[in-house]
Amino acid sequence: MSTTNRDVHNNGSHDWNEAGEAWGHRAGDWSCLYEHYSLDVLLAMYSRLLPGPDTALLDIACGSGLAMRLAASTGATVAGIDASAELIAVARDRIPAGDLRVGSMFELPWPDASFDAAVSVNGIWGGCEGALEEAHRVLRSGGRIGISFWGQGPPLDIREFFKVFASHAPNDHRTSMRQLNNIAVPGIAESMLERCGFEVEESDARVSMIEWPDAEIAWRALSSIGPAVPALRTGDVETIKRDVLAALESCRDERNIYRTRSDHRFVVARRP
């Protein structure tokens, strides 16, 4: 669940290896301090995808494996792919029985009709129809897919610190992020799925909540995300840290806990 990992087979603007390096640059912090932002939407999607002992489930852009671990706890057989070798290494430790691969979501290394269900938590974004076409190929007839992405809010606390990272990043990164994030526009995700042969069954949302006990933990969590990397590589890290924590100040409560709440959308669709 780590991605903005488009590659040259999509539109030529991003290499999936580069995205994997960005998302894996602080794999331990990401997996322990940030990945659980997705729990609410995962529970919602799994109530529709119904993983269980008779289910083979694929996680596309699986990150460090939280979604697969939850599916495996139901008895499902799980597989996953991510651009980051570092995140896949964490996932392998978490789910030793999983079939986990480093690679591109635009070239899934599994045969046709291999899976009963697929999930992608904030992994498939605007312009990523190629990944949906691959998901369609590896799903069996009647199989379902659930994808999630940030909505337009409210609430959308994450917008403020994403804006800080963007303001310190090169211009080409900001342009890329705008295209990826157009999936937040109502109807875009549904149209993408339908163009790739899926029948949309449901669109809904949950509020993602994530908490950190102090400023240092909050900074470690936020600086572990892939979109932070262009800013961290080209800007002054202490200035970026100061600006990020200032943007997060409205989310700090009287106990000094930082708590964000954000609009987390999902769509569930079926392969006919």
Protein backbone atom coordinates (compact mmCIF):
# COMPACT_ATOMS: atom_id res chain seq x y z
CA MET A 1 0.00 0.00 0.00
CA SER A 2 2.86 2.18 -0.75
CA THR A 3 2.56 3.55 -4.14
CA THR A 4 2.67 6.21 -6.65
CA ASN A 5 4.48 3.56 -8.68
CA ARG A 6 3.73 4.16 -12.30
CA ASP A 7 6.38 2.98 -14.75
CA VAL A 8 7.52 3.52 -18.30
CA HIS A 9 4.86 1.12 -19.58
CA ASN A 10 2.17 3.47 -18.28
CA ASN A 11 3.01 6.92 -19.59
CA GLY A 12 6.75 7.24 -19.40
CA SER A 13 6.87 9.80 -16.60
CA HIS A 14 7.89 7.57 -13.68
CA ASP A 15 10.02 4.50 -13.31
CA TRP A 16 8.64 1.96 -10.84
CA ASN A 17 12.15 1.27 -9.52
CA GLU A 18 12.48 4.95 -8.60
CA ALA A 19 9.13 4.86 -6.83
CA GLY A 20 10.17 1.74 -4.96
CA GLU A 21 13.34 3.42 -3.73
CA ALA A 22 11.31 6.40 -2.51
CA TRP A 23 8.73 4.35 -0.62
CA GLY A 24 11.37 2.07 0.87
CA HIS A 25 13.73 4.80 2.05
CA ARG A 26 12.50 4.44 5.65
CA ALA A 27 10.72 1.10 5.49
CA GLY A 28 10.78 0.46 9.23
CA ASP A 29 9.18 3.80 10.07
CA TRP A 30 6.58 3.41 7.33
CA SER A 31 5.55 -0.09 8.36
CA CYS A 32 5.38 0.62 12.10
CA LEU A 33 4.30 4.26 12.24
CA TYR A 34 2.18 4.97 9.16
CA GLU A 35 0.78 1.92 7.36
CA HIS A 36 -2.09 1.45 9.81
CA TYR A 37 -3.77 4.61 8.46
CA SER A 38 -5.67 2.21 6.18
CA LEU A 39 -7.41 0.05 8.78
CA ASP A 40 -10.88 1.59 8.51
CA VAL A 41 -11.06 1.36 4.74
CA LEU A 42 -9.53 -2.13 4.75
CA LEU A 43 -12.24 -3.39 7.09
CA ALA A 44 -14.87 -1.84 4.83
CA MET A 45 -13.45 -3.39 1.66
CA TYR A 46 -12.94 -6.80 3.24
CA SER A 47 -16.59 -6.86 4.31
CA ARG A 48 -17.32 -6.82 0.56
CA LEU A 49 -14.40 -8.93 -0.74
CA LEU A 50 -14.98 -11.55 1.99
CA PRO A 51 -11.52 -13.14 2.25
CA GLY A 52 -11.56 -16.58 3.85
CA PRO A 53 -10.17 -20.13 3.66
CA ASP A 54 -11.33 -20.59 0.06
CA THR A 55 -9.98 -17.24 -1.17
CA ALA A 56 -6.80 -16.46 -3.09
CA LEU A 57 -6.24 -12.73 -2.63
CA LEU A 58 -3.76 -10.45 -4.38
CA ASP A 59 -2.58 -7.17 -2.86
CA ILE A 60 -1.38 -4.75 -5.55
CA ALA A 61 1.20 -2.24 -4.26
CA CYS A 62 1.17 -4.19 -1.01
CA GLY A 63 3.74 -2.18 0.92
CA SER A 64 4.85 -3.93 4.10
CA GLY A 65 1.91 -6.30 4.16
CA LEU A 66 -0.77 -5.08 6.56
CA ALA A 67 -3.66 -5.84 4.18
CA MET A 68 -2.28 -9.31 3.46
CA ARG A 69 -1.74 -10.05 7.14
CA LEU A 70 -5.38 -9.25 7.86
CA ALA A 71 -6.56 -11.38 4.94
CA ALA A 72 -4.29 -14.26 5.98
CA SER A 73 -5.82 -14.14 9.47
CA THR A 74 -9.14 -15.18 7.86
CA GLY A 75 -7.50 -18.23 6.28
CA ALA A 76 -7.06 -16.69 2.83
CA THR A 77 -4.06 -17.52 0.65
CA VAL A 78 -2.29 -14.23 -0.06
CA ALA A 79 0.05 -12.82 -2.65
CA GLY A 80 1.40 -9.34 -3.11
CA ILE A 81 3.58 -7.14 -5.27
CA ASP A 82 5.30 -3.84 -4.55
CA ALA A 83 7.97 -1.68 -6.15
CA SER A 84 9.95 -1.48 -2.91
CA ALA A 85 12.28 -4.35 -2.05
CA GLU A 86 12.65 -2.95 1.47
CA LEU A 87 8.90 -3.00 2.13
CA ILE A 88 8.56 -6.48 0.62
CA ALA A 89 11.27 -7.66 3.02
CA VAL A 90 9.16 -6.47 5.96
CA ALA A 91 6.08 -8.11 4.45
CA ARG A 92 7.91 -11.44 4.08
CA ASP A 93 8.79 -11.38 7.76
CA ARG A 94 5.15 -10.66 8.62
CA ILE A 95 3.60 -13.23 6.25
CA PRO A 96 6.12 -16.03 5.66
CA ALA A 97 3.59 -18.11 3.70
CA GLY A 98 2.69 -15.28 1.31
CA ASP A 99 3.73 -15.23 -2.35
CA LEU A 100 5.43 -11.82 -2.32
CA ARG A 101 7.19 -10.26 -5.29
CA VAL A 102 9.15 -7.10 -6.04
CA GLY A 103 7.97 -5.67 -9.34
CA SER A 104 5.61 -3.51 -11.33
CA MET A 105 1.84 -3.51 -10.95
CA PHE A 106 1.69 -2.97 -14.72
CA GLU A 107 3.29 -6.39 -15.35
CA LEU A 108 1.88 -8.79 -12.76
CA PRO A 109 3.95 -12.02 -12.66
CA TRP A 110 0.97 -14.37 -12.23
CA PRO A 111 -1.03 -16.29 -14.83
CA ASP A 112 -4.52 -15.36 -15.98
CA ALA A 113 -7.36 -16.12 -13.56
CA SER A 114 -5.09 -16.78 -10.57
CA PHE A 115 -7.08 -14.96 -7.87
CA ASP A 116 -10.55 -14.73 -6.39
CA ALA A 117 -10.08 -11.20 -5.06
CA ALA A 118 -7.69 -8.27 -5.31
CA VAL A 119 -7.10 -5.19 -3.22
CA SER A 120 -5.03 -2.05 -3.69
CA VAL A 121 -4.85 0.39 -0.79
CA ASN A 122 -3.82 3.79 -2.13
CA GLY A 123 -1.80 2.01 -4.78
CA ILE A 124 -3.72 2.67 -8.01
CA TRP A 125 -4.08 6.34 -8.92
CA GLY A 126 -5.08 8.54 -11.82
CA GLY A 127 -3.56 7.35 -15.08
CA CYS A 128 -3.02 3.80 -13.80
CA GLU A 129 -5.49 1.98 -16.04
CA GLY A 130 -2.68 -0.38 -17.05
CA ALA A 131 -2.59 -1.72 -13.50
CA LEU A 132 -6.36 -2.25 -13.52
CA GLU A 133 -6.10 -4.12 -16.83
CA GLU A 134 -3.54 -6.43 -15.24
CA ALA A 135 -5.77 -6.90 -12.19
CA HIS A 136 -8.64 -7.81 -14.52
CA ARG A 137 -6.43 -10.38 -16.25
CA VAL A 138 -5.34 -12.20 -13.07
CA LEU A 139 -8.81 -12.24 -11.46
CA ARG A 140 -11.15 -15.13 -12.07
CA SER A 141 -14.62 -14.52 -13.48
CA GLY A 142 -16.77 -13.16 -10.67
CA GLY A 143 -13.75 -12.01 -8.69
CA ARG A 144 -13.87 -8.64 -6.95
CA ILE A 145 -11.38 -5.85 -6.57
CA GLY A 146 -11.32 -3.07 -3.99
CA ILE A 147 -9.25 0.07 -4.50
CA SER A 148 -8.85 3.03 -2.15
CA PHE A 149 -7.52 6.58 -2.49
CA TRP A 150 -7.69 9.93 -0.74
CA GLY A 151 -10.86 11.88 -1.39
CA GLN A 152 -11.46 15.61 -1.51
CA GLY A 153 -12.65 15.91 2.10
CA PRO A 154 -13.78 17.05 4.50
CA PRO A 155 -12.00 16.06 6.62
CA LEU A 156 -8.60 16.06 4.91
CA ASP A 157 -5.94 16.81 7.50
CA ILE A 158 -3.24 15.14 5.39
CA ARG A 159 -3.63 17.84 2.73
CA GLU A 160 -1.70 20.33 4.86
CA PHE A 161 1.49 18.34 5.26
CA PHE A 162 1.36 17.01 1.70
CA LYS A 163 1.29 20.65 0.57
CA VAL A 164 4.44 21.34 2.57
CA PHE A 165 6.34 18.46 0.96
CA ALA A 166 5.10 19.57 -2.46
CA SER A 167 6.18 23.17 -1.88
CA HIS A 168 9.75 22.01 -1.20
CA ALA A 169 9.84 19.53 -4.12
CA PRO A 170 10.89 20.11 -7.74
CA ASN A 171 8.20 21.39 -10.15
CA ASP A 172 8.00 18.16 -12.14
CA HIS A 173 7.07 16.25 -8.98
CA ARG A 174 4.17 18.62 -8.26
CA THR A 175 2.86 18.19 -11.82
CA SER A 176 3.03 14.41 -11.49
CA MET A 177 1.20 14.41 -8.17
CA ARG A 178 -1.66 16.49 -9.58
CA GLN A 179 -2.27 13.88 -12.30
CA LEU A 180 -2.12 11.00 -9.85
CA ASN A 181 -4.49 12.69 -7.43
CA ASN A 182 -7.22 13.39 -9.99
CA ILE A 183 -8.70 10.05 -8.93
CA ALA A 184 -10.15 11.99 -5.97
CA VAL A 185 -12.63 13.67 -8.35
CA PRO A 186 -16.00 11.89 -7.98
CA GLY A 187 -16.57 9.33 -10.72
CA ILE A 188 -12.98 9.07 -11.94
CA ALA A 189 -12.16 5.78 -10.18
CA GLU A 190 -15.44 4.25 -11.28
CA SER A 191 -14.81 5.27 -14.90
CA MET A 192 -11.31 3.82 -14.79
CA LEU A 193 -12.59 0.48 -13.53
CA GLU A 194 -15.37 0.34 -16.10
CA ARG A 195 -12.99 1.13 -18.97
CA CYS A 196 -10.89 -1.85 -17.86
CA GLY A 197 -13.83 -4.27 -17.97
CA PHE A 198 -15.07 -4.19 -14.37
CA GLU A 199 -18.62 -3.70 -13.15
CA VAL A 200 -18.72 -1.22 -10.28
CA GLU A 201 -20.71 -2.49 -7.31
CA GLU A 202 -20.15 0.11 -4.61
CA SER A 203 -18.45 3.44 -3.89
CA ASP A 204 -18.13 4.65 -0.33
CA ALA A 205 -15.79 6.28 2.18
CA ARG A 206 -14.41 6.00 5.66
CA VAL A 207 -12.46 8.44 7.81
CA SER A 208 -8.83 7.44 8.14
CA MET A 209 -7.43 8.26 11.56
CA ILE A 210 -3.79 8.02 12.51
CA GLU A 211 -2.12 9.11 15.74
CA TRP A 212 1.40 9.76 17.01
CA PRO A 213 2.32 10.44 20.66
CA ASP A 214 4.77 13.30 20.07
CA ALA A 215 6.37 15.53 17.47
CA GLU A 216 9.41 13.32 16.83
CA ILE A 217 7.31 10.23 16.16
CA ALA A 218 5.00 12.27 13.95
CA TRP A 219 7.96 13.54 11.93
CA ARG A 220 9.45 10.05 11.57
CA ALA A 221 6.10 8.78 10.30
CA LEU A 222 5.47 11.62 7.86
CA SER A 223 8.99 11.70 6.49
CA SER A 224 8.75 7.97 5.68
CA ILE A 225 6.15 8.43 2.93
CA GLY A 226 7.20 8.29 -0.71
CA PRO A 227 5.99 11.80 -1.67
CA ALA A 228 8.31 13.27 0.98
CA VAL A 229 11.43 12.05 -0.78
CA PRO A 230 11.75 14.64 -3.59
CA ALA A 231 11.57 17.42 -0.99
CA LEU A 232 13.97 15.70 1.43
CA ARG A 233 16.50 15.14 -1.35
CA THR A 234 16.50 18.71 -2.64
CA GLY A 235 15.49 20.90 0.31
CA ASP A 236 16.71 21.75 3.78
CA VAL A 237 15.48 18.92 6.00
CA GLU A 238 15.24 20.98 9.20
CA THR A 239 13.19 23.64 7.43
CA ILE A 240 10.89 21.01 5.96
CA LYS A 241 10.49 19.38 9.38
CA ARG A 242 9.60 22.71 10.96
CA ASP A 243 7.03 23.47 8.25
CA VAL A 244 5.47 20.01 8.37
CA LEU A 245 5.03 20.10 12.14
CA ALA A 246 3.58 23.61 11.91
CA ALA A 247 1.07 22.35 9.34
CA LEU A 248 0.18 19.54 11.73
CA GLU A 249 -0.25 21.80 14.75
CA SER A 250 -4.03 22.00 14.44
CA CYS A 251 -4.10 18.20 14.83
CA ARG A 252 -2.31 18.25 18.21
CA ASP A 253 -4.60 17.77 21.21
CA GLU A 254 -4.21 18.83 24.85
CA ARG A 255 -2.23 15.65 25.58
CA ASN A 256 0.21 16.52 22.77
CA ILE A 257 -1.07 13.62 20.69
CA TYR A 258 -1.05 14.33 16.97
CA ARG A 259 -4.23 12.95 15.41
CA THR A 260 -5.18 13.30 11.74
CA ARG A 261 -8.55 12.51 10.18
CA SER A 262 -8.91 12.27 6.43
CA ASP A 263 -11.44 11.34 3.77
CA HIS A 264 -10.57 7.85 2.55
CA ARG A 265 -12.58 6.72 -0.47
CA PHE A 266 -12.97 3.19 -1.87
CA VAL A 267 -14.62 1.47 -4.81
CA VAL A 268 -15.47 -2.22 -5.09
CA ALA A 269 -15.96 -3.73 -8.54
CA ARG A 270 -16.51 -7.18 -10.04
CA ARG A 271 -14.92 -8.94 -13.00
CA PRO A 272 -17.83 -10.32 -15.06
